[in-house]
């Protein structure tokens, strides 16, 4: 059974396995590039990389409506549990087996304050290994860091990297990240949602194809690929 991965604009991702659907960073309401409305989304699990509004997004109403369990760092998970949300807290370097596969929480260099000003712990990325042994790395919001080389040693089938600059890696550092990660496929995210992060994704993808062995795939919001 294949795994279907869909980019829903900005940093929002949908991962569908044989029996489960995951949503990562569920930013639907207020996301100008998202083709879906929050009320039309169903899922079993929600992964939240950090506390900023464009990533935590619709997490609370979506989790309450669907009964989905939220996977996040310990601080965000604890904050959500106080609001009646089922959550599983983790920390960097730790992994856990879920019904859909294994999640390992990775480093990310960014901020993580929650919308109400609460402490959101440290931001993170996710390395997901599905039951079909496919490895998906979502770097989420981060700058370049050397341990991406270690993450790449896991053997990445698909990587999602921010290229927007200003708040995250820009195209140059994202290209360096590809060279360290050596994923089979890589998809750019977190770009062109608003003017400060406007980028030419096709130009970046061309550089990836020219300078690395990875297959760069530029998805339109709502477009999917199969693993």
Foldseek 3Di string as FASTA:
>chain_A
DWWKWAFQAFQWIWIDDPPFIEIFQPAAVPQPQGPDHLVVDEGQEYEAQAADCSRCPCVQVRCVVHVHEYEYAPQVQVVSVVVVGHYDHDDAQDKDADPFFMKHWHAAPAAHQHPVRDHTPHGTWIWTQGPVRATETERDAHEADDCLLVVLVSAHQEYEEEQQPPRGNHLVRVLVSCVSNVYQEYEYHNADSDVSRHDDQVVSQVCNVVPGNHHYDYDRRGDMDID
